[in-house]
C-alpha cells in the first residue's frame, strides 16, 4: 500500500512539473533573420492567456487576444497597421511562430533571451 501511494505521489509531482514546463512562455524571445530583420517578444503567460509586446525593427506593438493551450499559443498584433494573428509553439528554449494567413511553412524560430 505504501509503495502504491509513493507511485501516485511521484506521478502527481511529475504531472505538475510537466504542466509548468508546457506553459512557461513568459520572458523575452528574439530572432534575427539572415536579412537582418529583428523580431522580439516580451510576454507574460498564464495557463490560458498571453500578454505583452511584439517588436519588429524595434517598434513595439501591444499583443491582444493572447491565448495559451499547453505549449501552443495565438495572439493578435498590428503589423503595418493591419491586425495579424500569430500562432506558435514552444519547446524548451525555442519558439516557432508564424502568421496564421501564411501557415507554418513560413515559421520563424525565436530563442529565449537569457
PDB file of N, CA and C in Angstrom:
ATOM      1  N   UNK A   1       0.820  -1.189   0.000  1.00  0.00           N
ATOM      2  CA  UNK A   1       0.000   0.000   0.000  1.00  0.00           C
ATOM      3  C   UNK A   1       0.869   1.260   0.000  1.00  0.00           C
ATOM      4  N   UNK A   2       1.931   1.293   0.801  1.00  0.00           N
ATOM      5  CA  UNK A   2       2.811   2.451   0.881  1.00  0.00           C
ATOM      6  C   UNK A   2       3.519   2.680  -0.460  1.00  0.00           C
ATOM      7  N   UNK A   3       3.879   1.606  -1.123  1.00  0.00           N
ATOM      8  CA  UNK A   3       4.555   1.740  -2.419  1.00  0.00           C
ATOM      9  C   UNK A   3       3.600   2.322  -3.469  1.00  0.00           C
ATOM     10  N   UNK A   4       2.359   1.910  -3.417  1.00  0.00           N
ATOM     11  CA  UNK A   4       1.357   2.430  -4.349  1.00  0.00           C
ATOM     12  C   UNK A   4       1.133   3.926  -4.115  1.00  0.00           C
ATOM     13  N   UNK A   5       1.080   4.337  -2.852  1.00  0.00           N
ATOM     14  CA  UNK A   5       0.912   5.755  -2.516  1.00  0.00           C
ATOM     15  C   UNK A   5       2.113   6.562  -3.025  1.00  0.00           C
ATOM     16  N   UNK A   6       3.309   6.012  -2.873  1.00  0.00           N
ATOM     17  CA  UNK A   6       4.511   6.686  -3.334  1.00  0.00           C
ATOM     18  C   UNK A   6       4.478   6.848  -4.856  1.00  0.00           C
ATOM     19  N   UNK A   7       4.058   5.814  -5.570  1.00  0.00           N
ATOM     20  CA  UNK A   7       3.956   5.886  -7.027  1.00  0.00           C
ATOM     21  C   UNK A   7       2.950   6.952  -7.461  1.00  0.00           C
ATOM     22  N   UNK A   8       1.812   7.005  -6.775  1.00  0.00           N
ATOM     23  CA  UNK A   8       0.798   8.011  -7.090  1.00  0.00           C
ATOM     24  C   UNK A   8       1.353   9.407  -6.820  1.00  0.00           C
ATOM     25  N   UNK A   9       2.038   9.592  -5.712  1.00  0.00           N
ATOM     26  CA  UNK A   9       2.626  10.883  -5.369  1.00  0.00           C
ATOM     27  C   UNK A   9       3.667  11.300  -6.407  1.00  0.00           C
ATOM     28  N   UNK A  10       4.515  10.380  -6.827  1.00  0.00           N
ATOM     29  CA  UNK A  10       5.520  10.680  -7.847  1.00  0.00           C
ATOM     30  C   UNK A  10       4.863  11.052  -9.175  1.00  0.00           C
ATOM     31  N   UNK A  11       3.776  10.375  -9.522  1.00  0.00           N
ATOM     32  CA  UNK A  11       3.058  10.688 -10.748  1.00  0.00           C
ATOM     33  C   UNK A  11       2.456  12.089 -10.687  1.00  0.00           C
ATOM     34  N   UNK A  12       1.898  12.462  -9.568  1.00  0.00           N
ATOM     35  CA  UNK A  12       1.326  13.798  -9.398  1.00  0.00           C
ATOM     36  C   UNK A  12       2.410  14.859  -9.512  1.00  0.00           C
ATOM     37  N   UNK A  13       3.545  14.650  -8.884  1.00  0.00           N
ATOM     38  CA  UNK A  13       4.655  15.604  -8.963  1.00  0.00           C
ATOM     39  C   UNK A  13       5.141  15.733 -10.408  1.00  0.00           C
ATOM     40  N   UNK A  14       5.288  14.633 -11.106  1.00  0.00           N
ATOM     41  CA  UNK A  14       5.731  14.645 -12.497  1.00  0.00           C
ATOM     42  C   UNK A  14       4.749  15.417 -13.376  1.00  0.00           C
ATOM     43  N   UNK A  15       3.466  15.190 -13.197  1.00  0.00           N
ATOM     44  CA  UNK A  15       2.455  15.905 -13.976  1.00  0.00           C
ATOM     45  C   UNK A  15       2.489  17.406 -13.700  1.00  0.00           C
ATOM     46  N   UNK A  16       2.709  17.785 -12.456  1.00  0.00           N
ATOM     47  CA  UNK A  16       2.821  19.208 -12.114  1.00  0.00           C
ATOM     48  C   UNK A  16       4.033  19.843 -12.788  1.00  0.00           C
ATOM     49  N   UNK A  17       5.153  19.139 -12.790  1.00  0.00           N
ATOM     50  CA  UNK A  17       6.367  19.646 -13.441  1.00  0.00           C
ATOM     51  C   UNK A  17       6.141  19.785 -14.938  1.00  0.00           C
ATOM     52  N   UNK A  18       5.527  18.795 -15.560  1.00  0.00           N
ATOM     53  CA  UNK A  18       5.254  18.860 -16.991  1.00  0.00           C
ATOM     54  C   UNK A  18       4.286  19.988 -17.319  1.00  0.00           C
ATOM     55  N   UNK A  19       3.263  20.171 -16.525  1.00  0.00           N
ATOM     56  CA  UNK A  19       2.302  21.256 -16.754  1.00  0.00           C
ATOM     57  C   UNK A  19       2.992  22.602 -16.665  1.00  0.00           C
ATOM     58  N   UNK A  20       3.873  22.795 -15.707  1.00  0.00           N
ATOM     59  CA  UNK A  20       4.600  24.055 -15.572  1.00  0.00           C
ATOM     60  C   UNK A  20       5.516  24.271 -16.770  1.00  0.00           C
ATOM     61  N   UNK A  21       6.198  23.232 -17.218  1.00  0.00           N
ATOM     62  CA  UNK A  21       7.113  23.362 -18.348  1.00  0.00           C
ATOM     63  C   UNK A  21       6.363  23.697 -19.628  1.00  0.00           C
ATOM     64  N   UNK A  22       5.154  23.168 -19.798  1.00  0.00           N
ATOM     65  CA  UNK A  22       4.393  23.402 -21.008  1.00  0.00           C
ATOM     66  C   UNK A  22       3.890  24.835 -21.109  1.00  0.00           C
ATOM     67  N   UNK A  23       3.671  25.515 -19.996  1.00  0.00           N
ATOM     68  CA  UNK A  23       3.116  26.856 -20.049  1.00  0.00           C
ATOM     69  C   UNK A  23       4.154  27.930 -19.741  1.00  0.00           C
ATOM     70  N   UNK A  24       5.418  27.588 -19.751  1.00  0.00           N
ATOM     71  CA  UNK A  24       6.453  28.548 -19.410  1.00  0.00           C
ATOM     72  C   UNK A  24       6.863  29.365 -20.634  1.00  0.00           C
ATOM     73  N   UNK A  25       5.937  30.183 -21.120  1.00  0.00           N
ATOM     74  CA  UNK A  25       6.203  31.039 -22.264  1.00  0.00           C
ATOM     75  C   UNK A  25       6.713  32.405 -21.835  1.00  0.00           C
ATOM     76  N   UNK A  26       6.515  32.747 -20.583  1.00  0.00           N
ATOM     77  CA  UNK A  26       6.868  34.082 -20.103  1.00  0.00           C
ATOM     78  C   UNK A  26       8.348  34.367 -20.295  1.00  0.00           C
ATOM     79  N   UNK A  27       8.631  35.608 -20.683  1.00  0.00           N
ATOM     80  CA  UNK A  27      10.013  36.025 -20.840  1.00  0.00           C
ATOM     81  C   UNK A  27      10.228  36.736 -22.153  1.00  0.00           C
ATOM     82  N   UNK A  28      11.497  36.899 -22.491  1.00  0.00           N
ATOM     83  CA  UNK A  28      11.873  37.568 -23.739  1.00  0.00           C
ATOM     84  C   UNK A  28      12.361  36.527 -24.737  1.00  0.00           C
ATOM     85  N   UNK A  29      11.934  36.710 -25.988  1.00  0.00           N
ATOM     86  CA  UNK A  29      12.284  35.831 -27.088  1.00  0.00           C
ATOM     87  C   UNK A  29      12.770  36.695 -28.238  1.00  0.00           C
ATOM     88  N   UNK A  30      13.759  36.227 -29.003  1.00  0.00           N
ATOM     89  CA  UNK A  30      14.319  37.052 -30.060  1.00  0.00           C
ATOM     90  C   UNK A  30      14.743  36.212 -31.256  1.00  0.00           C
ATOM     91  N   UNK A  31      14.658  36.852 -32.439  1.00  0.00           N
ATOM     92  CA  UNK A  31      15.136  36.233 -33.669  1.00  0.00           C
ATOM     93  C   UNK A  31      15.693  37.329 -34.565  1.00  0.00           C
ATOM     94  N   UNK A  32      16.782  37.046 -35.229  1.00  0.00           N
ATOM     95  CA  UNK A  32      17.305  37.916 -36.273  1.00  0.00           C
ATOM     96  C   UNK A  32      17.400  37.084 -37.536  1.00  0.00           C
ATOM     97  N   UNK A  33      16.698  37.519 -38.577  1.00  0.00           N
ATOM     98  CA  UNK A  33      16.688  36.783 -39.833  1.00  0.00           C
ATOM     99  C   UNK A  33      18.001  37.000 -40.577  1.00  0.00           C
ATOM    100  N   UNK A  34      18.298  36.167 -41.568  1.00  0.00           N
ATOM    101  CA  UNK A  34      19.521  36.364 -42.360  1.00  0.00           C
ATOM    102  C   UNK A  34      19.587  37.753 -43.006  1.00  0.00           C
ATOM    103  N   UNK A  35      18.418  38.355 -43.288  1.00  0.00           N
ATOM    104  CA  UNK A  35      18.412  39.687 -43.904  1.00  0.00           C
ATOM    105  C   UNK A  35      18.575  40.802 -42.877  1.00  0.00           C
ATOM    106  N   UNK A  36      18.699  40.436 -41.591  1.00  0.00           N
ATOM    107  CA  UNK A  36      18.923  41.434 -40.549  1.00  0.00           C
ATOM    108  C   UNK A  36      17.680  41.924 -39.840  1.00  0.00           C
ATOM    109  N   UNK A  37      16.501  41.422 -40.208  1.00  0.00           N
ATOM    110  CA  UNK A  37      15.258  41.799 -39.539  1.00  0.00           C
ATOM    111  C   UNK A  37      15.249  41.217 -38.136  1.00  0.00           C
ATOM    112  N   UNK A  38      14.997  42.065 -37.143  1.00  0.00           N
ATOM    113  CA  UNK A  38      14.976  41.613 -35.758  1.00  0.00           C
ATOM    114  C   UNK A  38      13.548  41.611 -35.243  1.00  0.00           C
ATOM    115  N   UNK A  39      13.134  40.492 -34.663  1.00  0.00           N
ATOM    116  CA  UNK A  39      11.810  40.367 -34.042  1.00  0.00           C
ATOM    117  C   UNK A  39      12.003  39.954 -32.598  1.00  0.00           C
ATOM    118  N   UNK A  40      11.221  40.557 -31.705  1.00  0.00           N
ATOM    119  CA  UNK A  40      11.298  40.230 -30.280  1.00  0.00           C
ATOM    120  C   UNK A  40       9.905  40.112 -29.690  1.00  0.00           C
ATOM    121  N   UNK A  41       9.776  39.204 -28.769  1.00  0.00           N
ATOM    122  CA  UNK A  41       8.568  39.063 -27.968  1.00  0.00           C
ATOM    123  C   UNK A  41       8.957  39.260 -26.524  1.00  0.00           C
ATOM    124  N   UNK A  42       8.197  40.046 -25.808  1.00  0.00           N
ATOM    125  CA  UNK A  42       8.361  40.205 -24.366  1.00  0.00           C
ATOM    126  C   UNK A  42       6.993  39.901 -23.792  1.00  0.00           C
ATOM    127  N   UNK A  43       6.826  38.673 -23.275  1.00  0.00           N
ATOM    128  CA  UNK A  43       5.490  38.207 -22.934  1.00  0.00           C
ATOM    129  C   UNK A  43       5.370  37.691 -21.507  1.00  0.00           C
ATOM    130  N   UNK A  44       4.144  37.721 -21.047  1.00  0.00           N
ATOM    131  CA  UNK A  44       3.757  37.154 -19.751  1.00  0.00           C
ATOM    132  C   UNK A  44       2.631  36.185 -20.063  1.00  0.00           C
ATOM    133  N   UNK A  45       2.800  34.941 -19.653  1.00  0.00           N
ATOM    134  CA  UNK A  45       1.798  33.920 -19.938  1.00  0.00           C
ATOM    135  C   UNK A  45       1.296  33.284 -18.656  1.00  0.00           C
ATOM    136  N   UNK A  46       0.009  33.007 -18.649  1.00  0.00           N
ATOM    137  CA  UNK A  46      -0.584  32.179 -17.602  1.00  0.00           C
ATOM    138  C   UNK A  46      -0.947  30.857 -18.267  1.00  0.00           C
ATOM    139  N   UNK A  47      -1.691  30.026 -17.587  1.00  0.00           N
ATOM    140  CA  UNK A  47      -2.091  28.748 -18.169  1.00  0.00           C
ATOM    141  C   UNK A  47      -2.990  28.931 -19.385  1.00  0.00           C
ATOM    142  N   UNK A  48      -3.668  30.102 -19.500  1.00  0.00           N
ATOM    143  CA  UNK A  48      -4.614  30.288 -20.605  1.00  0.00           C
ATOM    144  C   UNK A  48      -4.487  31.603 -21.361  1.00  0.00           C
ATOM    145  N   UNK A  49      -3.734  32.580 -20.843  1.00  0.00           N
ATOM    146  CA  UNK A  49      -3.665  33.881 -21.504  1.00  0.00           C
ATOM    147  C   UNK A  49      -2.230  34.310 -21.775  1.00  0.00           C
ATOM    148  N   UNK A  50      -2.106  35.219 -22.726  1.00  0.00           N
ATOM    149  CA  UNK A  50      -0.806  35.736 -23.127  1.00  0.00           C
ATOM    150  C   UNK A  50      -0.935  37.243 -23.308  1.00  0.00           C
ATOM    151  N   UNK A  51      -0.024  38.002 -22.686  1.00  0.00           N
ATOM    152  CA  UNK A  51       0.003  39.456 -22.830  1.00  0.00           C
ATOM    153  C   UNK A  51       1.440  39.880 -23.063  1.00  0.00           C
ATOM    154  N   UNK A  52       1.617  41.121 -23.515  1.00  0.00           N
ATOM    155  CA  UNK A  52       2.960  41.637 -23.691  1.00  0.00           C
ATOM    156  C   UNK A  52       3.101  42.444 -24.953  1.00  0.00           C
ATOM    157  N   UNK A  53       4.334  42.484 -25.480  1.00  0.00           N
ATOM    158  CA  UNK A  53       4.610  43.237 -26.696  1.00  0.00           C
ATOM    159  C   UNK A  53       5.353  42.379 -27.705  1.00  0.00           C
ATOM    160  N   UNK A  54       5.111  42.693 -28.951  1.00  0.00           N
ATOM    161  CA  UNK A  54       5.788  42.071 -30.081  1.00  0.00           C
ATOM    162  C   UNK A  54       6.466  43.203 -30.830  1.00  0.00           C
ATOM    163  N   UNK A  55       7.782  43.129 -31.013  1.00  0.00           N
ATOM    164  CA  UNK A  55       8.530  44.207 -31.662  1.00  0.00           C
ATOM    165  C   UNK A  55       9.187  43.705 -32.934  1.00  0.00           C
ATOM    166  N   UNK A  56       9.045  44.490 -33.985  1.00  0.00           N
ATOM    167  CA  UNK A  56       9.733  44.232 -35.240  1.00  0.00           C
ATOM    168  C   UNK A  56      10.466  45.513 -35.593  1.00  0.00           C
ATOM    169  N   UNK A  57      11.757  45.388 -35.867  1.00  0.00           N
ATOM    170  CA  UNK A  57      12.604  46.561 -36.140  1.00  0.00           C
ATOM    171  C   UNK A  57      12.502  47.586 -35.011  1.00  0.00           C
ATOM    172  N   UNK A  58      12.497  47.095 -33.783  1.00  0.00           N
ATOM    173  CA  UNK A  58      12.456  47.913 -32.566  1.00  0.00           C
ATOM    174  C   UNK A  58      11.180  48.740 -32.433  1.00  0.00           C
ATOM    175  N   UNK A  59      10.109  48.364 -33.129  1.00  0.00           N
ATOM    176  CA  UNK A  59       8.812  49.025 -32.993  1.00  0.00           C
ATOM    177  C   UNK A  59       7.883  48.109 -32.207  1.00  0.00           C
ATOM    178  N   UNK A  60       7.634  48.434 -30.930  1.00  0.00           N
ATOM    179  CA  UNK A  60       6.784  47.561 -30.117  1.00  0.00           C
ATOM    180  C   UNK A  60       5.301  47.704 -30.454  1.00  0.00           C
ATOM    181  N   UNK A  61       4.616  46.566 -30.487  1.00  0.00           N
ATOM    182  CA  UNK A  61       3.175  46.510 -30.700  1.00  0.00           C
ATOM    183  C   UNK A  61       2.562  45.718 -29.557  1.00  0.00           C
ATOM    184  N   UNK A  62       1.463  46.197 -29.021  1.00  0.00           N
ATOM    185  CA  UNK A  62       0.797  45.503 -27.926  1.00  0.00           C
ATOM    186  C   UNK A  62       0.109  44.245 -28.442  1.00  0.00           C
ATOM    187  N   UNK A  63       0.287  43.160 -27.710  1.00  0.00           N
ATOM    188  CA  UNK A  63      -0.371  41.897 -28.029  1.00  0.00           C
ATOM    189  C   UNK A  63      -1.799  41.951 -27.490  1.00  0.00           C
ATOM    190  N   UNK A  64      -2.764  41.532 -28.323  1.00  0.00           N
ATOM    191  CA  UNK A  64      -4.149  41.416 -27.882  1.00  0.00           C
ATOM    192  C   UNK A  64      -4.638  40.001 -28.166  1.00  0.00           C
ATOM    193  N   UNK A  65      -5.734  39.649 -27.546  1.00  0.00           N
ATOM    194  CA  UNK A  65      -6.371  38.342 -27.763  1.00  0.00           C
ATOM    195  C   UNK A  65      -5.396  37.176 -27.632  1.00  0.00           C
ATOM    196  N   UNK A  66      -4.476  37.248 -26.667  1.00  0.00           N
ATOM    197  CA  UNK A  66      -3.488  36.191 -26.472  1.00  0.00           C
ATOM    198  C   UNK A  66      -4.063  34.995 -25.737  1.00  0.00           C
ATOM    199  N   UNK A  67      -3.876  33.822 -26.305  1.00  0.00           N
ATOM    200  CA  UNK A  67      -4.362  32.571 -25.716  1.00  0.00           C
ATOM    201  C   UNK A  67      -3.242  31.540 -25.662  1.00  0.00           C
ATOM    202  N   UNK A  68      -3.274  30.732 -24.608  1.00  0.00           N
ATOM    203  CA  UNK A  68      -2.287  29.669 -24.420  1.00  0.00           C
ATOM    204  C   UNK A  68      -3.024  28.362 -24.171  1.00  0.00           C
ATOM    205  N   UNK A  69      -2.572  27.296 -24.827  1.00  0.00           N
ATOM    206  CA  UNK A  69      -3.058  25.939 -24.574  1.00  0.00           C
ATOM    207  C   UNK A  69      -1.836  25.042 -24.524  1.00  0.00           C
ATOM    208  N   UNK A  70      -1.509  24.572 -23.325  1.00  0.00           N
ATOM    209  CA  UNK A  70      -0.299  23.774 -23.109  1.00  0.00           C
ATOM    210  C   UNK A  70       0.907  24.519 -23.644  1.00  0.00           C
ATOM    211  N   UNK A  71       1.558  24.021 -24.701  1.00  0.00           N
ATOM    212  CA  UNK A  71       2.763  24.685 -25.216  1.00  0.00           C
ATOM    213  C   UNK A  71       2.509  25.432 -26.528  1.00  0.00           C
ATOM    214  N   UNK A  72       1.234  25.648 -26.882  1.00  0.00           N
ATOM    215  CA  UNK A  72       0.905  26.396 -28.083  1.00  0.00           C
ATOM    216  C   UNK A  72       0.248  27.724 -27.708  1.00  0.00           C
ATOM    217  N   UNK A  73       0.271  28.676 -28.638  1.00  0.00           N
ATOM    218  CA  UNK A  73      -0.288  29.992 -28.355  1.00  0.00           C
ATOM    219  C   UNK A  73      -0.789  30.649 -29.629  1.00  0.00           C
ATOM    220  N   UNK A  74      -1.639  31.645 -29.458  1.00  0.00           N
ATOM    221  CA  UNK A  74      -2.052  32.553 -30.525  1.00  0.00           C
ATOM    222  C   UNK A  74      -2.161  33.947 -29.925  1.00  0.00           C
ATOM    223  N   UNK A  75      -1.926  34.959 -30.752  1.00  0.00           N
ATOM    224  CA  UNK A  75      -2.170  36.331 -30.334  1.00  0.00           C
ATOM    225  C   UNK A  75      -2.336  37.190 -31.576  1.00  0.00           C
ATOM    226  N   UNK A  76      -2.833  38.404 -31.355  1.00  0.00           N
ATOM    227  CA  UNK A  76      -3.007  39.362 -32.441  1.00  0.00           C
ATOM    228  C   UNK A  76      -2.090  40.545 -32.177  1.00  0.00           C
ATOM    229  N   UNK A  77      -1.404  40.997 -33.229  1.00  0.00           N
ATOM    230  CA  UNK A  77      -0.569  42.203 -33.173  1.00  0.00           C
ATOM    231  C   UNK A  77      -0.786  42.967 -34.473  1.00  0.00           C
ATOM    232  N   UNK A  78      -0.708  44.264 -34.404  1.00  0.00           N
ATOM    233  CA  UNK A  78      -0.923  45.108 -35.571  1.00  0.00           C
ATOM    234  C   UNK A  78       0.406  45.311 -36.297  1.00  0.00           C
ATOM    235  N   UNK A  79       0.547  44.687 -37.461  1.00  0.00           N
ATOM    236  CA  UNK A  79       1.755  44.809 -38.266  1.00  0.00           C
ATOM    237  C   UNK A  79       1.469  45.756 -39.429  1.00  0.00           C
ATOM    238  N   UNK A  80       2.183  46.835 -39.499  1.00  0.00           N
ATOM    239  CA  UNK A  80       1.970  47.854 -40.527  1.00  0.00           C
ATOM    240  C   UNK A  80       0.521  48.328 -40.557  1.00  0.00           C
ATOM    241  N   UNK A  81      -0.087  48.443 -39.372  1.00  0.00           N
ATOM    242  CA  UNK A  81      -1.451  48.932 -39.265  1.00  0.00           C
ATOM    243  C   UNK A  81      -2.535  47.897 -39.499  1.00  0.00           C
ATOM    244  N   UNK A  82      -2.140  46.670 -39.821  1.00  0.00           N
ATOM    245  CA  UNK A  82      -3.108  45.605 -40.078  1.00  0.00           C
ATOM    246  C   UNK A  82      -3.025  44.558 -38.980  1.00  0.00           C
ATOM    247  N   UNK A  83      -4.157  44.249 -38.324  1.00  0.00           N
ATOM    248  CA  UNK A  83      -4.127  43.196 -37.300  1.00  0.00           C
ATOM    249  C   UNK A  83      -3.782  41.838 -37.930  1.00  0.00           C
ATOM    250  N   UNK A  84      -2.809  41.166 -37.354  1.00  0.00           N
ATOM    251  CA  UNK A  84      -2.387  39.848 -37.827  1.00  0.00           C
ATOM    252  C   UNK A  84      -2.445  38.862 -36.672  1.00  0.00           C
ATOM    253  N   UNK A  85      -2.976  37.686 -36.930  1.00  0.00           N
ATOM    254  CA  UNK A  85      -2.968  36.619 -35.933  1.00  0.00           C
ATOM    255  C   UNK A  85      -1.692  35.818 -36.100  1.00  0.00           C
ATOM    256  N   UNK A  86      -1.024  35.602 -34.976  1.00  0.00           N
ATOM    257  CA  UNK A  86       0.227  34.855 -34.956  1.00  0.00           C
ATOM    258  C   UNK A  86       0.015  33.613 -34.103  1.00  0.00           C
ATOM    259  N   UNK A  87       0.445  32.475 -34.612  1.00  0.00           N
ATOM    260  CA  UNK A  87       0.342  31.198 -33.903  1.00  0.00           C
ATOM    261  C   UNK A  87       1.741  30.668 -33.652  1.00  0.00           C
ATOM    262  N   UNK A  88       1.836  29.743 -32.712  1.00  0.00           N
ATOM    263  CA  UNK A  88       3.135  29.141 -32.490  1.00  0.00           C
ATOM    264  C   UNK A  88       3.128  28.082 -31.418  1.00  0.00           C
ATOM    265  N   UNK A  89       4.316  27.561 -31.173  1.00  0.00           N
ATOM    266  CA  UNK A  89       4.518  26.521 -30.169  1.00  0.00           C
ATOM    267  C   UNK A  89       5.903  26.703 -29.561  1.00  0.00           C
ATOM    268  N   UNK A  90       6.015  26.303 -28.312  1.00  0.00           N
ATOM    269  CA  UNK A  90       7.278  26.416 -27.596  1.00  0.00           C
ATOM    270  C   UNK A  90       7.730  25.040 -27.146  1.00  0.00           C
ATOM    271  N   UNK A  91       9.021  24.799 -27.319  1.00  0.00           N
ATOM    272  CA  UNK A  91       9.639  23.590 -26.794  1.00  0.00           C
ATOM    273  C   UNK A  91      10.983  23.994 -26.213  1.00  0.00           C
ATOM    274  N   UNK A  92      11.102  23.841 -24.914  1.00  0.00           N
ATOM    275  CA  UNK A  92      12.301  24.244 -24.191  1.00  0.00           C
ATOM    276  C   UNK A  92      12.577  25.732 -24.414  1.00  0.00           C
ATOM    277  N   UNK A  93      13.739  26.083 -24.948  1.00  0.00           N
ATOM    278  CA  UNK A  93      14.100  27.485 -25.149  1.00  0.00           C
ATOM    279  C   UNK A  93      13.975  27.906 -26.612  1.00  0.00           C
ATOM    280  N   UNK A  94      13.092  27.228 -27.354  1.00  0.00           N
ATOM    281  CA  UNK A  94      12.882  27.548 -28.756  1.00  0.00           C
ATOM    282  C   UNK A  94      11.393  27.745 -29.023  1.00  0.00           C
ATOM    283  N   UNK A  95      11.073  28.843 -29.686  1.00  0.00           N
ATOM    284  CA  UNK A  95       9.693  29.159 -30.030  1.00  0.00           C
ATOM    285  C   UNK A  95       9.576  29.214 -31.544  1.00  0.00           C
ATOM    286  N   UNK A  96       8.589  28.518 -32.080  1.00  0.00           N
ATOM    287  CA  UNK A  96       8.290  28.586 -33.506  1.00  0.00           C
ATOM    288  C   UNK A  96       6.998  29.378 -33.645  1.00  0.00           C
ATOM    289  N   UNK A  97       7.014  30.414 -34.491  1.00  0.00           N
ATOM    290  CA  UNK A  97       5.849  31.268 -34.667  1.00  0.00           C
ATOM    291  C   UNK A  97       5.659  31.588 -36.143  1.00  0.00           C
ATOM    292  N   UNK A  98       4.394  31.799 -36.531  1.00  0.00           N
ATOM    293  CA  UNK A  98       4.079  32.118 -37.909  1.00  0.00           C
ATOM    294  C   UNK A  98       2.786  32.917 -37.973  1.00  0.00           C
ATOM    295  N   UNK A  99       2.641  33.683 -39.060  1.00  0.00           N
ATOM    296  CA  UNK A  99       1.389  34.376 -39.324  1.00  0.00           C
ATOM    297  C   UNK A  99       0.362  33.330 -39.751  1.00  0.00           C
ATOM    298  N   UNK A 100      -0.821  33.372 -39.163  1.00  0.00           N
ATOM    299  CA  UNK A 100      -1.851  32.379 -39.470  1.00  0.00           C
ATOM    300  C   UNK A 100      -2.127  32.326 -40.972  1.00  0.00           C
ATOM    301  N   UNK A 101      -2.192  33.482 -41.616  1.00  0.00           N
ATOM    302  CA  UNK A 101      -2.532  33.509 -43.045  1.00  0.00           C
ATOM    303  C   UNK A 101      -1.437  32.889 -43.914  1.00  0.00           C
ATOM    304  N   UNK A 102      -0.213  32.812 -43.410  1.00  0.00           N
ATOM    305  CA  UNK A 102       0.880  32.212 -44.185  1.00  0.00           C
ATOM    306  C   UNK A 102       1.100  30.747 -43.849  1.00  0.00           C
ATOM    307  N   UNK A 103       0.687  30.336 -42.671  1.00  0.00           N
ATOM    308  CA  UNK A 103       0.838  28.948 -42.272  1.00  0.00           C
ATOM    309  C   UNK A 103       2.222  28.615 -41.743  1.00  0.00           C
ATOM    310  N   UNK A 104       2.359  27.425 -41.157  1.00  0.00           N
ATOM    311  CA  UNK A 104       3.625  27.027 -40.531  1.00  0.00           C
ATOM    312  C   UNK A 104       4.783  26.835 -41.505  1.00  0.00           C
ATOM    313  N   UNK A 105       4.508  26.856 -42.804  1.00  0.00           N
ATOM    314  CA  UNK A 105       5.605  26.747 -43.770  1.00  0.00           C
ATOM    315  C   UNK A 105       6.535  27.952 -43.670  1.00  0.00           C
ATOM    316  N   UNK A 106       6.033  29.071 -43.147  1.00  0.00           N
ATOM    317  CA  UNK A 106       6.813  30.307 -43.014  1.00  0.00           C
ATOM    318  C   UNK A 106       7.169  30.562 -41.551  1.00  0.00           C
ATOM    319  N   UNK A 107       7.605  29.544 -40.869  1.00  0.00           N
ATOM    320  CA  UNK A 107       7.905  29.614 -39.449  1.00  0.00           C
ATOM    321  C   UNK A 107       9.158  30.444 -39.163  1.00  0.00           C
ATOM    322  N   UNK A 108       9.038  31.291 -38.132  1.00  0.00           N
ATOM    323  CA  UNK A 108      10.193  31.998 -37.597  1.00  0.00           C
ATOM    324  C   UNK A 108      10.563  31.287 -36.302  1.00  0.00           C
ATOM    325  N   UNK A 109      11.833  31.116 -36.057  1.00  0.00           N
ATOM    326  CA  UNK A 109      12.299  30.437 -34.843  1.00  0.00           C
ATOM    327  C   UNK A 109      12.953  31.476 -33.930  1.00  0.00           C
ATOM    328  N   UNK A 110      12.348  31.670 -32.756  1.00  0.00           N
ATOM    329  CA  UNK A 110      12.865  32.618 -31.780  1.00  0.00           C
ATOM    330  C   UNK A 110      13.510  31.845 -30.643  1.00  0.00           C
ATOM    331  N   UNK A 111      14.536  32.417 -30.082  1.00  0.00           N
ATOM    332  CA  UNK A 111      15.245  31.809 -28.942  1.00  0.00           C
ATOM    333  C   UNK A 111      14.967  32.613 -27.694  1.00  0.00           C
ATOM    334  N   UNK A 112      14.896  31.915 -26.575  1.00  0.00           N
ATOM    335  CA  UNK A 112      14.707  32.596 -25.291  1.00  0.00           C
ATOM    336  C   UNK A 112      15.944  33.432 -24.976  1.00  0.00           C
ATOM    337  N   UNK A 113      15.720  34.692 -24.600  1.00  0.00           N
ATOM    338  CA  UNK A 113      16.807  35.581 -24.206  1.00  0.00           C
ATOM    339  C   UNK A 113      17.108  35.315 -22.743  1.00  0.00           C
ATOM    340  N   UNK A 114      18.353  35.000 -22.448  1.00  0.00           N
ATOM    341  CA  UNK A 114      18.711  34.644 -21.075  1.00  0.00           C
ATOM    342  C   UNK A 114      19.424  35.778 -20.396  1.00  0.00           C
TER     343      UNK A 114
END
